[in-house]
Structure formats: C-alpha cells, structure tokens
Amino acid sequence: MASGILGQSSITAASTWTSVYTVPTAKVATFNIGIVNLSTSTAIIRIALAANTSPLDSQMIEYDFNLAGNDVFERGGLVMQAAQKVVVQTSSLSPNISVIVTGYEE
C-alpha cells in the first residue's frame, strides 16, 4: 500500500490539462490536494477527477477558482477508484503553479 506523496507536478503552461496522479489498477485512493501559486499574480484554477486528461464538466471539483498570488489552496478527504486521474489546469498568462497529491492507496 503506497502512502505519502502520490503525485506532484509543476504547471507552467496555461490552458493545458496536467495529469498529477492516476490511481493504480485494482486500487482505491484516499487523498488530499495542495496547490501553491508561486507567482505574485492571481491564478485561475480548475481541478477535475476524471477518466482522462480531457475532463467532462460533471468531473470538475473546482472551476475557475481565483488563487491569489503566493497563496495556497487545499482540498482533503477525496476518494477515487482505479484508473481515475487528478487533472489540473490554470488559465493564467504566466503560470507558476505547484500541485501535490498526498494520501494512501488500498
């Protein structure tokens, strides 16, 4: 059973979905997401729990959330089934976003 940091990524391209973590086959994951805006400008964030890196509207858990410069967003207590992905996007012109997924798989 994996635990601790399950996935992490830096987002440096605007308007592109980035897959941060995929639940392994035959596993269920319980996890938290932390997003840090390393820029001084506000970033607009989208987060989805999806089957692929082109999420449907129904898979969004945050949509156009304004994350202030040098601020952090955290969401906990999330559960996903095998093969599901945590995908994140920012529409900021100069993105500098760090994403980390922590938790455990069973």
N, C-alpha and C. Protein backbone atom coordinates (compact mmCIF):
# COMPACT_ATOMS: atom_id res chain seq x y z
N MET A 1 0.84 -1.17 0.00
CA MET A 1 0.00 0.00 0.00
C MET A 1 0.89 1.24 0.00
N ALA A 2 0.77 2.06 -1.04
CA ALA A 2 1.53 3.31 -1.11
C ALA A 2 0.88 4.35 -0.22
N SER A 3 1.72 5.19 0.38
CA SER A 3 1.21 6.29 1.18
C SER A 3 2.21 7.43 1.14
N GLY A 4 1.74 8.61 1.48
CA GLY A 4 2.59 9.79 1.43
C GLY A 4 2.29 10.59 0.18
N ILE A 5 3.34 11.01 -0.52
CA ILE A 5 3.15 11.76 -1.76
C ILE A 5 2.81 10.79 -2.87
N LEU A 6 1.63 10.95 -3.45
CA LEU A 6 1.17 10.07 -4.53
C LEU A 6 1.47 10.67 -5.90
N GLY A 7 1.52 11.99 -5.98
CA GLY A 7 1.82 12.65 -7.25
C GLY A 7 2.13 14.11 -7.02
N GLN A 8 2.93 14.68 -7.91
CA GLN A 8 3.24 16.11 -7.84
C GLN A 8 3.64 16.60 -9.21
N SER A 9 3.38 17.88 -9.45
CA SER A 9 3.68 18.45 -10.76
C SER A 9 3.79 19.96 -10.66
N SER A 10 4.56 20.53 -11.57
CA SER A 10 4.60 21.97 -11.74
C SER A 10 3.85 22.30 -13.02
N ILE A 11 2.99 23.28 -12.95
CA ILE A 11 2.22 23.68 -14.12
C ILE A 11 2.79 24.99 -14.63
N THR A 12 3.36 24.95 -15.82
CA THR A 12 3.99 26.14 -16.39
C THR A 12 3.38 26.53 -17.74
N ALA A 13 2.38 25.78 -18.20
CA ALA A 13 1.71 26.10 -19.46
C ALA A 13 0.24 26.43 -19.18
N ALA A 14 -0.21 27.55 -19.71
CA ALA A 14 -1.59 27.97 -19.50
C ALA A 14 -2.56 27.17 -20.37
N SER A 15 -3.76 26.97 -19.85
CA SER A 15 -4.88 26.36 -20.57
C SER A 15 -4.59 24.94 -21.07
N THR A 16 -3.74 24.21 -20.35
CA THR A 16 -3.43 22.83 -20.69
C THR A 16 -3.69 21.96 -19.46
N TRP A 17 -4.47 20.90 -19.64
CA TRP A 17 -4.73 19.99 -18.53
C TRP A 17 -3.47 19.19 -18.22
N THR A 18 -3.10 19.13 -16.94
CA THR A 18 -1.94 18.37 -16.49
C THR A 18 -2.41 17.26 -15.56
N SER A 19 -2.03 16.03 -15.88
CA SER A 19 -2.35 14.90 -15.02
C SER A 19 -1.33 14.84 -13.90
N VAL A 20 -1.81 14.94 -12.67
CA VAL A 20 -0.94 14.97 -11.50
C VAL A 20 -0.81 13.59 -10.86
N TYR A 21 -1.88 12.80 -10.92
CA TYR A 21 -1.88 11.48 -10.27
C TYR A 21 -2.93 10.60 -10.91
N THR A 22 -2.60 9.32 -11.08
CA THR A 22 -3.55 8.32 -11.58
C THR A 22 -3.59 7.17 -10.57
N VAL A 23 -4.78 6.78 -10.16
CA VAL A 23 -4.92 5.66 -9.22
C VAL A 23 -4.54 4.36 -9.93
N PRO A 24 -3.64 3.57 -9.34
CA PRO A 24 -3.23 2.31 -9.96
C PRO A 24 -4.38 1.31 -10.10
N THR A 25 -4.18 0.36 -11.00
CA THR A 25 -5.15 -0.71 -11.23
C THR A 25 -5.45 -1.44 -9.93
N ALA A 26 -6.71 -1.76 -9.72
CA ALA A 26 -7.19 -2.53 -8.57
C ALA A 26 -6.96 -1.83 -7.22
N LYS A 27 -6.84 -0.52 -7.24
CA LYS A 27 -6.64 0.25 -6.01
C LYS A 27 -7.74 1.30 -5.86
N VAL A 28 -7.90 1.76 -4.65
CA VAL A 28 -8.73 2.91 -4.33
C VAL A 28 -7.82 3.88 -3.58
N ALA A 29 -7.92 5.15 -3.89
CA ALA A 29 -7.06 6.14 -3.23
C ALA A 29 -7.90 7.11 -2.42
N THR A 30 -7.42 7.41 -1.23
CA THR A 30 -7.96 8.47 -0.39
C THR A 30 -6.86 9.52 -0.30
N PHE A 31 -7.20 10.77 -0.64
CA PHE A 31 -6.12 11.73 -0.81
C PHE A 31 -6.55 13.17 -0.57
N ASN A 32 -5.53 14.03 -0.52
CA ASN A 32 -5.68 15.48 -0.40
C ASN A 32 -4.94 16.12 -1.56
N ILE A 33 -5.37 17.32 -1.95
CA ILE A 33 -4.70 18.08 -3.00
C ILE A 33 -4.25 19.40 -2.40
N GLY A 34 -3.01 19.77 -2.68
CA GLY A 34 -2.49 21.08 -2.31
C GLY A 34 -1.98 21.78 -3.56
N ILE A 35 -2.40 23.04 -3.77
CA ILE A 35 -1.95 23.81 -4.92
C ILE A 35 -1.36 25.12 -4.40
N VAL A 36 -0.16 25.41 -4.84
CA VAL A 36 0.53 26.64 -4.42
C VAL A 36 0.74 27.52 -5.65
N ASN A 37 0.36 28.78 -5.52
CA ASN A 37 0.61 29.76 -6.58
C ASN A 37 1.95 30.43 -6.24
N LEU A 38 2.98 30.11 -6.99
CA LEU A 38 4.32 30.63 -6.74
C LEU A 38 4.54 32.00 -7.37
N SER A 39 3.52 32.51 -8.04
CA SER A 39 3.58 33.82 -8.68
C SER A 39 2.96 34.88 -7.78
N THR A 40 3.20 36.14 -8.07
CA THR A 40 2.56 37.23 -7.32
C THR A 40 1.21 37.59 -7.93
N SER A 41 0.89 37.05 -9.11
CA SER A 41 -0.39 37.32 -9.77
C SER A 41 -1.41 36.25 -9.44
N THR A 42 -2.68 36.63 -9.46
CA THR A 42 -3.76 35.67 -9.23
C THR A 42 -3.81 34.65 -10.36
N ALA A 43 -4.00 33.39 -10.01
CA ALA A 43 -4.13 32.30 -10.98
C ALA A 43 -5.57 31.79 -10.93
N ILE A 44 -6.11 31.42 -12.07
CA ILE A 44 -7.44 30.84 -12.15
C ILE A 44 -7.27 29.34 -12.34
N ILE A 45 -7.79 28.58 -11.37
CA ILE A 45 -7.52 27.14 -11.28
C ILE A 45 -8.78 26.32 -11.57
N ARG A 46 -8.57 25.21 -12.26
CA ARG A 46 -9.61 24.18 -12.45
C ARG A 46 -9.02 22.84 -12.01
N ILE A 47 -9.84 22.06 -11.30
CA ILE A 47 -9.43 20.72 -10.86
C ILE A 47 -10.55 19.75 -11.21
N ALA A 48 -10.17 18.59 -11.76
CA ALA A 48 -11.15 17.56 -12.09
C ALA A 48 -10.65 16.19 -11.64
N LEU A 49 -11.57 15.34 -11.29
CA LEU A 49 -11.30 13.92 -11.02
C LEU A 49 -11.92 13.19 -12.20
N ALA A 50 -11.09 12.72 -13.12
CA ALA A 50 -11.58 12.31 -14.43
C ALA A 50 -10.98 10.99 -14.90
N ALA A 51 -11.57 10.46 -15.96
CA ALA A 51 -11.09 9.23 -16.57
C ALA A 51 -9.90 9.49 -17.50
N ASN A 52 -9.75 10.72 -17.97
CA ASN A 52 -8.62 11.06 -18.85
C ASN A 52 -8.27 12.53 -18.67
N THR A 53 -7.39 13.05 -19.51
CA THR A 53 -6.93 14.43 -19.35
C THR A 53 -7.81 15.44 -20.10
N SER A 54 -8.97 15.02 -20.54
CA SER A 54 -9.97 15.92 -21.12
C SER A 54 -11.26 15.74 -20.32
N PRO A 55 -11.33 16.33 -19.13
CA PRO A 55 -12.45 16.05 -18.24
C PRO A 55 -13.78 16.64 -18.73
N LEU A 56 -14.84 15.99 -18.31
CA LEU A 56 -16.20 16.48 -18.56
C LEU A 56 -16.56 17.50 -17.49
N ASP A 57 -17.54 18.33 -17.77
CA ASP A 57 -17.99 19.31 -16.78
C ASP A 57 -18.42 18.62 -15.48
N SER A 58 -19.02 17.45 -15.59
CA SER A 58 -19.51 16.74 -14.41
C SER A 58 -18.38 16.20 -13.52
N GLN A 59 -17.14 16.25 -14.00
CA GLN A 59 -16.00 15.72 -13.24
C GLN A 59 -15.21 16.81 -12.52
N MET A 60 -15.65 18.06 -12.65
CA MET A 60 -14.96 19.19 -12.01
C MET A 60 -15.26 19.22 -10.51
N ILE A 61 -14.21 19.48 -9.70
CA ILE A 61 -14.45 19.72 -8.28
C ILE A 61 -14.12 21.17 -7.91
N GLU A 62 -13.38 21.85 -8.77
CA GLU A 62 -13.15 23.30 -8.67
C GLU A 62 -13.13 23.84 -10.08
N TYR A 63 -13.80 24.97 -10.28
CA TYR A 63 -13.89 25.54 -11.63
C TYR A 63 -13.70 27.05 -11.56
N ASP A 64 -12.64 27.53 -12.18
CA ASP A 64 -12.30 28.95 -12.21
C ASP A 64 -12.19 29.56 -10.82
N PHE A 65 -11.49 28.84 -9.96
CA PHE A 65 -11.20 29.31 -8.61
C PHE A 65 -10.05 30.31 -8.68
N ASN A 66 -10.22 31.49 -8.09
CA ASN A 66 -9.16 32.50 -8.07
C ASN A 66 -8.21 32.23 -6.92
N LEU A 67 -6.99 31.85 -7.27
CA LEU A 67 -5.95 31.59 -6.26
C LEU A 67 -5.00 32.77 -6.26
N ALA A 68 -5.03 33.54 -5.19
CA ALA A 68 -4.21 34.75 -5.10
C ALA A 68 -2.72 34.41 -5.20
N GLY A 69 -1.96 35.39 -5.60
CA GLY A 69 -0.51 35.22 -5.69
C GLY A 69 0.08 34.84 -4.34
N ASN A 70 1.04 33.93 -4.36
CA ASN A 70 1.73 33.45 -3.15
C ASN A 70 0.77 32.85 -2.13
N ASP A 71 -0.31 32.25 -2.62
CA ASP A 71 -1.31 31.65 -1.73
C ASP A 71 -1.39 30.15 -2.01
N VAL A 72 -2.14 29.46 -1.14
CA VAL A 72 -2.28 28.01 -1.25
C VAL A 72 -3.76 27.63 -1.21
N PHE A 73 -4.11 26.58 -1.95
CA PHE A 73 -5.46 26.00 -1.93
C PHE A 73 -5.29 24.55 -1.50
N GLU A 74 -6.15 24.10 -0.58
CA GLU A 74 -6.10 22.72 -0.15
C GLU A 74 -7.51 22.13 -0.15
N ARG A 75 -7.60 20.87 -0.56
CA ARG A 75 -8.87 20.15 -0.53
C ARG A 75 -8.55 18.75 -0.06
N GLY A 76 -9.27 18.26 0.94
CA GLY A 76 -8.97 16.95 1.51
C GLY A 76 -10.17 16.03 1.53
N GLY A 77 -9.91 14.80 1.91
CA GLY A 77 -10.96 13.80 2.06
C GLY A 77 -11.52 13.29 0.74
N LEU A 78 -10.73 13.32 -0.31
CA LEU A 78 -11.19 12.87 -1.62
C LEU A 78 -10.90 11.38 -1.79
N VAL A 79 -11.77 10.69 -2.52
CA VAL A 79 -11.62 9.26 -2.77
C VAL A 79 -11.85 9.01 -4.26
N MET A 80 -10.97 8.19 -4.86
CA MET A 80 -11.10 7.86 -6.28
C MET A 80 -10.84 6.38 -6.50
N GLN A 81 -11.47 5.85 -7.55
CA GLN A 81 -11.30 4.45 -7.91
C GLN A 81 -10.15 4.26 -8.90
N ALA A 82 -9.82 3.01 -9.17
CA ALA A 82 -8.72 2.67 -10.08
C ALA A 82 -8.88 3.36 -11.43
N ALA A 83 -7.75 3.78 -11.99
CA ALA A 83 -7.62 4.39 -13.31
C ALA A 83 -8.12 5.83 -13.40
N GLN A 84 -8.69 6.36 -12.33
CA GLN A 84 -9.13 7.76 -12.34
C GLN A 84 -7.92 8.68 -12.13
N LYS A 85 -8.02 9.90 -12.66
CA LYS A 85 -6.91 10.85 -12.62
C LYS A 85 -7.30 12.14 -11.92
N VAL A 86 -6.32 12.76 -11.27
CA VAL A 86 -6.44 14.13 -10.79
C VAL A 86 -5.79 14.98 -11.88
N VAL A 87 -6.58 15.87 -12.49
CA VAL A 87 -6.05 16.75 -13.53
C VAL A 87 -6.30 18.20 -13.14
N VAL A 88 -5.32 19.05 -13.45
CA VAL A 88 -5.37 20.46 -13.04
C VAL A 88 -5.03 21.34 -14.24
N GLN A 89 -5.68 22.50 -14.27
CA GLN A 89 -5.42 23.47 -15.33
C GLN A 89 -5.43 24.87 -14.74
N THR A 90 -4.64 25.77 -15.31
CA THR A 90 -4.71 27.18 -14.97
C THR A 90 -4.80 27.98 -16.26
N SER A 91 -5.54 29.07 -16.21
CA SER A 91 -5.65 29.91 -17.40
C SER A 91 -4.80 31.17 -17.26
N SER A 92 -3.95 31.20 -16.26
CA SER A 92 -3.08 32.35 -16.05
C SER A 92 -2.12 32.52 -17.21
N LEU A 93 -1.81 33.77 -17.54
CA LEU A 93 -0.90 34.03 -18.65
C LEU A 93 0.53 33.63 -18.33
N SER A 94 0.93 33.77 -17.09
CA SER A 94 2.29 33.38 -16.67
C SER A 94 2.19 32.42 -15.49
N PRO A 95 1.76 31.19 -15.75
CA PRO A 95 1.54 30.26 -14.64
C PRO A 95 2.84 29.81 -13.98
N ASN A 96 2.76 29.65 -12.71
CA ASN A 96 3.85 29.09 -11.92
C ASN A 96 3.20 28.41 -10.72
N ILE A 97 2.58 27.27 -10.99
CA ILE A 97 1.74 26.58 -10.03
C ILE A 97 2.37 25.24 -9.66
N SER A 98 2.37 24.92 -8.38
CA SER A 98 2.85 23.64 -7.88
C SER A 98 1.67 22.87 -7.31
N VAL A 99 1.53 21.60 -7.71
CA VAL A 99 0.43 20.76 -7.24
C VAL A 99 1.01 19.51 -6.60
N ILE A 100 0.44 19.11 -5.45
CA ILE A 100 0.87 17.89 -4.79
C ILE A 100 -0.37 17.12 -4.32
N VAL A 101 -0.34 15.81 -4.52
CA VAL A 101 -1.40 14.92 -4.06
C VAL A 101 -0.79 14.01 -3.01
N THR A 102 -1.35 14.03 -1.81
CA THR A 102 -0.88 13.19 -0.71
C THR A 102 -2.01 12.30 -0.22
N GLY A 103 -1.68 11.12 0.24
CA GLY A 103 -2.71 10.23 0.77
C GLY A 103 -2.23 8.80 0.78
N TYR A 104 -3.17 7.89 0.53
CA TYR A 104 -2.80 6.46 0.52
C TYR A 104 -3.67 5.69 -0.45
N GLU A 105 -3.15 4.56 -0.87
CA GLU A 105 -3.84 3.64 -1.78
C GLU A 105 -4.08 2.33 -1.04
N GLU A 106 -5.24 1.72 -1.31
CA GLU A 106 -5.51 0.41 -0.72
C GLU A 106 -6.28 -0.45 -1.67
